[in-house]
Amino acid sequence: MGEALQAFLNESRIKGDVQAFQIKEAWESIMGKTVARYTDTIKIFGDRLIVSTSVGPLKNELRFQKESIIKRVNEAMGAEIVKEVIIQ
């Protein structure tokens, strides 16, 4: 059953939504409480992770940490899901 569900998700359009939900659930443990508190939205489009925040200094800090975010998210998810991070 689990394999069938995974195969369905891999072929469906909701895969990005499910992955975004999983990342949102783990975001605090991935990036820490402060970053999680001020993160507005997290979305996935293909292999792009889009992180939105309205806090200017946090945007700048996250832009400098893009490679680290990619590495941390992929490690937390156990697969290479994210190849690019876009900070808005």
Protein backbone atom coordinates (compact mmCIF):
# COMPACT_ATOMS: atom_id res chain seq x y z
CA MET A 1 0.00 0.00 0.00
CA GLY A 2 2.78 2.43 0.90
CA GLU A 3 4.61 1.75 -2.34
CA ALA A 4 1.43 2.26 -4.36
CA LEU A 5 0.77 5.58 -2.61
CA GLN A 6 4.36 6.69 -3.22
CA ALA A 7 4.09 5.74 -6.91
CA PHE A 8 0.84 7.71 -7.18
CA LEU A 9 2.39 10.78 -5.54
CA ASN A 10 5.41 10.61 -7.84
CA GLU A 11 3.11 10.77 -10.88
CA SER A 12 0.53 13.25 -9.59
CA ARG A 13 0.40 17.03 -9.45
CA ILE A 14 -0.07 17.06 -5.67
CA LYS A 15 3.45 15.80 -5.07
CA GLY A 16 4.78 19.36 -4.60
CA ASP A 17 2.02 20.16 -2.12
CA VAL A 18 2.77 17.05 -0.08
CA GLN A 19 6.49 17.81 -0.09
CA ALA A 20 5.86 21.44 0.90
CA PHE A 21 3.71 20.22 3.79
CA GLN A 22 6.46 17.83 4.92
CA ILE A 23 9.04 20.61 4.77
CA LYS A 24 6.74 23.00 6.67
CA GLU A 25 6.33 20.39 9.39
CA ALA A 26 10.11 20.01 9.72
CA TRP A 27 11.05 23.68 9.04
CA GLU A 28 11.64 24.56 12.70
CA SER A 29 13.97 21.62 13.23
CA ILE A 30 15.72 22.36 9.92
CA MET A 31 16.21 26.12 10.33
CA GLY A 32 15.56 26.88 13.99
CA LYS A 33 12.77 28.53 15.96
CA THR A 34 13.51 32.14 15.01
CA VAL A 35 13.60 31.52 11.27
CA ALA A 36 10.48 29.34 11.48
CA ARG A 37 8.60 31.99 13.45
CA TYR A 38 9.19 34.66 10.81
CA THR A 39 8.70 32.48 7.72
CA ASP A 40 5.39 33.35 6.07
CA THR A 41 5.04 30.62 3.42
CA ILE A 42 6.91 27.66 2.00
CA LYS A 43 6.08 26.32 -1.46
CA ILE A 44 7.62 23.81 -3.85
CA PHE A 45 7.48 24.11 -7.63
CA GLY A 46 9.36 21.28 -9.27
CA ASP A 47 12.76 21.26 -7.57
CA ARG A 48 12.50 24.89 -6.37
CA LEU A 49 11.81 25.75 -2.74
CA ILE A 50 10.19 29.16 -2.37
CA VAL A 51 10.44 30.72 1.08
CA SER A 52 8.58 33.96 1.85
CA THR A 53 9.17 36.29 4.76
CA SER A 54 8.28 39.93 5.39
CA VAL A 55 11.34 40.50 7.58
CA GLY A 56 14.05 42.27 5.54
CA PRO A 57 17.12 41.22 7.56
CA LEU A 58 15.92 37.60 7.55
CA LYS A 59 15.53 37.71 3.75
CA ASN A 60 19.14 38.82 3.42
CA GLU A 61 20.38 36.15 5.82
CA LEU A 62 18.45 33.41 4.01
CA ARG A 63 19.84 34.55 0.65
CA PHE A 64 23.36 34.00 1.98
CA GLN A 65 22.39 30.54 3.26
CA LYS A 66 20.79 29.12 0.10
CA GLU A 67 23.27 26.25 -0.31
CA SER A 68 22.97 25.36 3.36
CA ILE A 69 19.16 25.41 3.15
CA ILE A 70 19.23 23.06 0.16
CA LYS A 71 21.53 20.66 2.00
CA ARG A 72 19.53 20.76 5.26
CA VAL A 73 16.13 20.30 3.59
CA ASN A 74 17.32 17.41 1.43
CA GLU A 75 18.92 15.71 4.44
CA ALA A 76 15.76 16.15 6.51
CA MET A 77 13.57 14.76 3.72
CA GLY A 78 15.92 11.87 2.97
CA ALA A 79 15.96 12.63 -0.76
CA GLU A 80 17.18 15.27 -3.19
CA ILE A 81 13.95 17.24 -3.42
CA VAL A 82 15.33 20.79 -3.60
CA LYS A 83 17.93 22.03 -6.07
CA GLU A 84 17.21 25.76 -5.89
CA VAL A 85 15.98 28.12 -3.16
CA ILE A 86 14.13 31.33 -3.93
CA ILE A 87 13.70 33.86 -1.12
CA GLN A 88 10.81 36.32 -1.43
